[in-house]
């Protein structure tokens, strides 16, 4: 008997291998094949296995559910991407409103941009630090530096946190802007390559706490910060 299941929580090929090995160790399982891109597992068994037994065989970071048929999901396919990106848009909205409120009396554009970038870094680093162990694996799927230097993925959330504090405290603005241009420029190159290659991978901009697809929204998000940093550097 072959059954198809949805697996959530996988962020890299290491996760895929881990899930495949754990499922294969179940006594009634004859063969288990896990697909990272489709987030699914095809399991061949010699008897029925309960969902509880399947879930208990996996580490808590993974969730296994029965595969929903295409017929039942066909009507929501077009909405799924927007629904997944809703947390990103919501956070951007909150950051924008907060930056406006902090500067509405002075009506200064430079102050708004500094506060926007500072809040952006603080909020996004928070989500990355929620799962510091899982973030590097997702990040190196598209960031060129993280691919070559794994340590960079581990320290990146702290770099964002530091930059956020510098912008909000108005300390060492020029160095912070230069660093912003470098790290976001490199990441944007990686994101662009993923989009052009049409790869289906998870965006790590909000860590692994919120599951977001790599889309044009990610490119726009990085581009906004990149343009702001260049503008501030030229004006300053």
Protein backbone atom coordinates (compact mmCIF):
# COMPACT_ATOMS: atom_id res chain seq x y z
CA UNK A 1 0.00 0.00 0.00
CA UNK A 2 1.24 3.45 -0.90
CA UNK A 3 0.14 6.61 0.88
CA UNK A 4 1.06 10.25 0.30
CA UNK A 5 1.54 12.65 3.21
CA UNK A 6 2.36 16.34 3.61
CA UNK A 7 5.47 17.13 5.67
CA UNK A 8 5.89 20.59 7.18
CA UNK A 9 9.01 21.93 8.90
CA UNK A 10 11.66 20.87 6.37
CA UNK A 11 14.02 23.68 5.37
CA UNK A 12 16.92 21.91 3.66
CA UNK A 13 18.13 18.59 2.23
CA UNK A 14 19.42 17.64 5.67
CA UNK A 15 15.86 17.85 6.98
CA UNK A 16 14.61 15.78 4.05
CA UNK A 17 17.16 13.05 4.76
CA UNK A 18 16.34 13.10 8.46
CA UNK A 19 12.60 12.69 7.83
CA UNK A 20 13.17 9.96 5.26
CA UNK A 21 15.41 8.00 7.62
CA UNK A 22 12.99 8.32 10.56
CA UNK A 23 10.03 7.13 8.50
CA UNK A 24 12.00 4.24 7.02
CA UNK A 25 12.77 2.97 10.52
CA UNK A 26 9.09 2.26 11.25
CA UNK A 27 8.58 -1.48 11.20
CA UNK A 28 5.64 -1.60 8.78
CA UNK A 29 7.28 0.77 6.29
CA UNK A 30 8.71 -0.92 3.19
CA UNK A 31 9.93 2.28 1.53
CA UNK A 32 9.76 6.01 2.21
CA UNK A 33 10.55 8.75 -0.30
CA UNK A 34 10.51 12.40 0.78
CA UNK A 35 10.36 15.34 -1.64
CA UNK A 36 11.60 18.64 -0.16
CA UNK A 37 10.18 20.90 -2.89
CA UNK A 38 6.70 19.37 -2.77
CA UNK A 39 6.87 18.94 1.03
CA UNK A 40 5.50 15.45 0.74
CA UNK A 41 6.35 11.86 1.58
CA UNK A 42 5.28 8.76 -0.33
CA UNK A 43 5.27 5.80 2.06
CA UNK A 44 4.86 2.18 1.03
CA UNK A 45 3.68 -0.09 3.87
CA UNK A 46 2.60 -3.69 4.45
CA UNK A 47 -0.17 -2.60 6.85
CA UNK A 48 -1.99 0.53 7.93
CA UNK A 49 -0.01 2.94 10.13
CA UNK A 50 -1.79 5.49 12.27
CA UNK A 51 -1.04 9.19 11.96
CA UNK A 52 -0.02 9.22 15.62
CA UNK A 53 2.65 6.57 15.01
CA UNK A 54 3.98 8.46 11.99
CA UNK A 55 4.11 11.74 13.90
CA UNK A 56 5.77 10.16 16.94
CA UNK A 57 8.53 8.77 14.72
CA UNK A 58 9.55 12.30 13.71
CA UNK A 59 11.23 15.09 15.73
CA UNK A 60 8.79 17.71 17.03
CA UNK A 61 9.87 20.32 14.43
CA UNK A 62 8.21 18.28 11.67
CA UNK A 63 4.47 17.86 11.16
CA UNK A 64 2.99 15.08 9.04
CA UNK A 65 -0.56 15.12 7.74
CA UNK A 66 -2.51 13.22 5.14
CA UNK A 67 -2.14 14.67 1.65
CA UNK A 68 -5.13 16.77 0.68
CA UNK A 69 -6.45 15.95 -2.77
CA UNK A 70 -5.94 18.44 -5.60
CA UNK A 71 -9.69 18.66 -6.12
CA UNK A 72 -10.25 20.16 -2.68
CA UNK A 73 -7.34 22.60 -2.98
CA UNK A 74 -7.78 23.67 -6.60
CA UNK A 75 -9.96 26.67 -5.75
CA UNK A 76 -7.42 28.05 -3.24
CA UNK A 77 -4.21 27.63 -5.27
CA UNK A 78 -4.33 31.20 -6.60
CA UNK A 79 -4.80 32.62 -3.09
CA UNK A 80 -2.23 30.48 -1.32
CA UNK A 81 0.77 32.68 -2.16
CA UNK A 82 -0.92 35.88 -1.01
CA UNK A 83 -2.15 34.15 2.12
CA UNK A 84 1.35 32.96 2.95
CA UNK A 85 2.79 36.44 2.35
CA UNK A 86 0.17 38.17 4.51
CA UNK A 87 2.41 38.16 7.66
CA UNK A 88 5.17 39.89 5.65
CA UNK A 89 2.83 42.60 4.38
CA UNK A 90 1.36 43.06 7.86
CA UNK A 91 4.79 43.50 9.45
CA UNK A 92 5.82 45.96 6.73
CA UNK A 93 2.65 47.92 7.40
CA UNK A 94 3.34 48.11 11.13
CA UNK A 95 6.95 49.17 10.56
CA UNK A 96 5.91 51.87 8.09
CA UNK A 97 3.21 53.30 10.37
CA UNK A 98 5.56 53.23 13.37
CA UNK A 99 8.27 55.10 11.44
CA UNK A 100 5.72 57.70 10.30
CA UNK A 101 4.43 58.23 13.85
CA UNK A 102 7.97 58.69 15.16
CA UNK A 103 8.60 61.46 12.63
CA UNK A 104 5.23 63.08 11.91
CA UNK A 105 6.09 66.22 13.93
CA UNK A 106 9.47 66.80 12.36
CA UNK A 107 8.24 65.70 8.91
CA UNK A 108 11.79 64.65 8.10
CA UNK A 109 12.26 62.07 5.37
CA UNK A 110 15.74 61.09 6.53
CA UNK A 111 14.46 60.48 10.06
CA UNK A 112 11.65 58.34 8.70
CA UNK A 113 14.07 56.23 6.63
CA UNK A 114 16.47 55.74 9.53
CA UNK A 115 13.64 54.65 11.84
CA UNK A 116 12.14 52.43 9.13
CA UNK A 117 15.47 50.66 8.57
CA UNK A 118 16.11 50.39 12.31
CA UNK A 119 12.68 48.90 13.03
CA UNK A 120 12.98 46.63 9.99
CA UNK A 121 16.23 45.15 11.28
CA UNK A 122 15.03 44.81 14.87
CA UNK A 123 11.77 43.07 13.93
CA UNK A 124 13.28 40.77 11.30
CA UNK A 125 16.21 39.78 13.54
CA UNK A 126 13.70 38.88 16.27
CA UNK A 127 12.00 36.32 14.05
CA UNK A 128 15.35 34.88 12.94
CA UNK A 129 16.49 34.50 16.56
CA UNK A 130 13.34 32.54 17.42
CA UNK A 131 14.92 29.57 15.63
CA UNK A 132 18.62 30.34 15.45
CA UNK A 133 19.41 26.67 14.75
CA UNK A 134 17.05 26.40 11.80
CA UNK A 135 17.66 29.80 10.20
CA UNK A 136 21.21 29.21 8.79
CA UNK A 137 20.08 26.15 6.81
CA UNK A 138 17.29 28.14 5.14
CA UNK A 139 19.43 31.23 4.62
CA UNK A 140 22.24 29.45 2.80
CA UNK A 141 19.76 28.09 0.27
CA UNK A 142 19.94 31.46 -1.49
CA UNK A 143 22.47 33.81 0.15
CA UNK A 144 25.85 33.55 -1.69
CA UNK A 145 27.98 34.36 1.38
CA UNK A 146 26.11 31.94 3.66
CA UNK A 147 26.61 29.19 1.06
CA UNK A 148 30.39 29.57 1.19
CA UNK A 149 30.75 30.58 4.86
CA UNK A 150 28.22 28.71 7.08
CA UNK A 151 29.21 30.79 10.11
CA UNK A 152 27.79 33.86 8.36
CA UNK A 153 24.29 32.38 8.61
CA UNK A 154 24.67 32.02 12.38
CA UNK A 155 25.83 35.59 12.99
CA UNK A 156 23.57 37.28 10.43
CA UNK A 157 20.62 37.80 12.85
CA UNK A 158 23.02 39.52 15.27
CA UNK A 159 24.34 41.72 12.46
CA UNK A 160 20.75 42.79 11.73
CA UNK A 161 20.13 43.43 15.42
CA UNK A 162 23.26 45.58 15.68
CA UNK A 163 22.40 47.57 12.57
CA UNK A 164 18.89 48.16 13.84
CA UNK A 165 20.20 49.59 17.11
CA UNK A 166 22.68 51.83 15.27
CA UNK A 167 19.96 53.31 13.06
CA UNK A 168 17.51 53.86 15.92
CA UNK A 169 20.17 55.37 18.20
CA UNK A 170 21.65 57.44 15.34
CA UNK A 171 25.11 56.03 16.01
CA UNK A 172 27.73 55.26 13.29
CA UNK A 173 25.14 55.84 10.56
CA UNK A 174 27.58 55.89 7.62
CA UNK A 175 29.26 52.53 8.47
CA UNK A 176 25.80 51.03 9.12
CA UNK A 177 24.57 52.22 5.72
CA UNK A 178 27.63 50.78 3.95
CA UNK A 179 27.18 47.41 5.69
CA UNK A 180 23.48 47.46 4.77
CA UNK A 181 24.27 48.05 1.10
CA UNK A 182 26.80 45.19 1.09
CA UNK A 183 24.78 42.50 2.89
CA UNK A 184 21.43 43.31 1.26
CA UNK A 185 23.09 43.72 -2.13
CA UNK A 186 24.56 40.22 -1.88
CA UNK A 187 21.29 38.72 -0.61
CA UNK A 188 19.31 40.44 -3.39
CA UNK A 189 21.62 38.86 -5.97
CA UNK A 190 20.90 35.45 -4.44
CA UNK A 191 17.15 36.09 -4.35
CA UNK A 192 17.18 37.24 -7.98
CA UNK A 193 18.97 34.05 -9.05
CA UNK A 194 16.41 31.90 -7.23
CA UNK A 195 13.53 33.75 -8.88
CA UNK A 196 15.09 33.48 -12.35
CA UNK A 197 15.76 29.75 -11.82
CA UNK A 198 12.14 29.37 -10.59
CA UNK A 199 13.24 27.32 -7.62
CA UNK A 200 10.69 26.52 -4.93
CA UNK A 201 12.44 27.30 -1.64
CA UNK A 202 11.51 28.92 1.63
CA UNK A 203 12.34 32.56 2.31
CA UNK A 204 14.28 33.02 5.55
CA UNK A 205 13.56 36.75 5.89
CA UNK A 206 11.32 36.01 8.89
CA UNK A 207 13.33 32.99 10.01
CA UNK A 208 11.59 29.64 10.14
CA UNK A 209 8.86 30.70 12.56
CA UNK A 210 6.71 31.90 9.66
CA UNK A 211 6.74 29.85 6.49
CA UNK A 212 7.09 32.19 3.53
CA UNK A 213 7.71 31.28 -0.12
CA UNK A 214 10.55 32.92 -2.04
CA UNK A 215 8.72 35.40 -4.29
CA UNK A 216 9.06 38.82 -5.88
CA UNK A 217 7.90 40.27 -2.55
CA UNK A 218 11.20 39.17 -1.04
CA UNK A 219 13.07 40.93 -3.82
CA UNK A 220 11.01 44.11 -3.30
CA UNK A 221 11.58 43.96 0.46
CA UNK A 222 15.36 43.83 0.05
CA UNK A 223 15.30 46.43 -2.72
CA UNK A 224 13.44 48.97 -0.58
CA UNK A 225 16.06 48.74 2.16
CA UNK A 226 18.87 48.77 -0.40
CA UNK A 227 17.55 51.93 -2.11
CA UNK A 228 16.96 53.66 1.23
CA UNK A 229 20.52 52.93 2.33
CA UNK A 230 22.00 54.29 -0.91
CA UNK A 231 19.78 57.38 -0.75
CA UNK A 232 20.79 58.10 2.84
CA UNK A 233 24.45 57.61 2.00
CA UNK A 234 24.30 60.00 -0.96
CA UNK A 235 22.32 62.64 0.96
CA UNK A 236 24.51 62.30 4.04
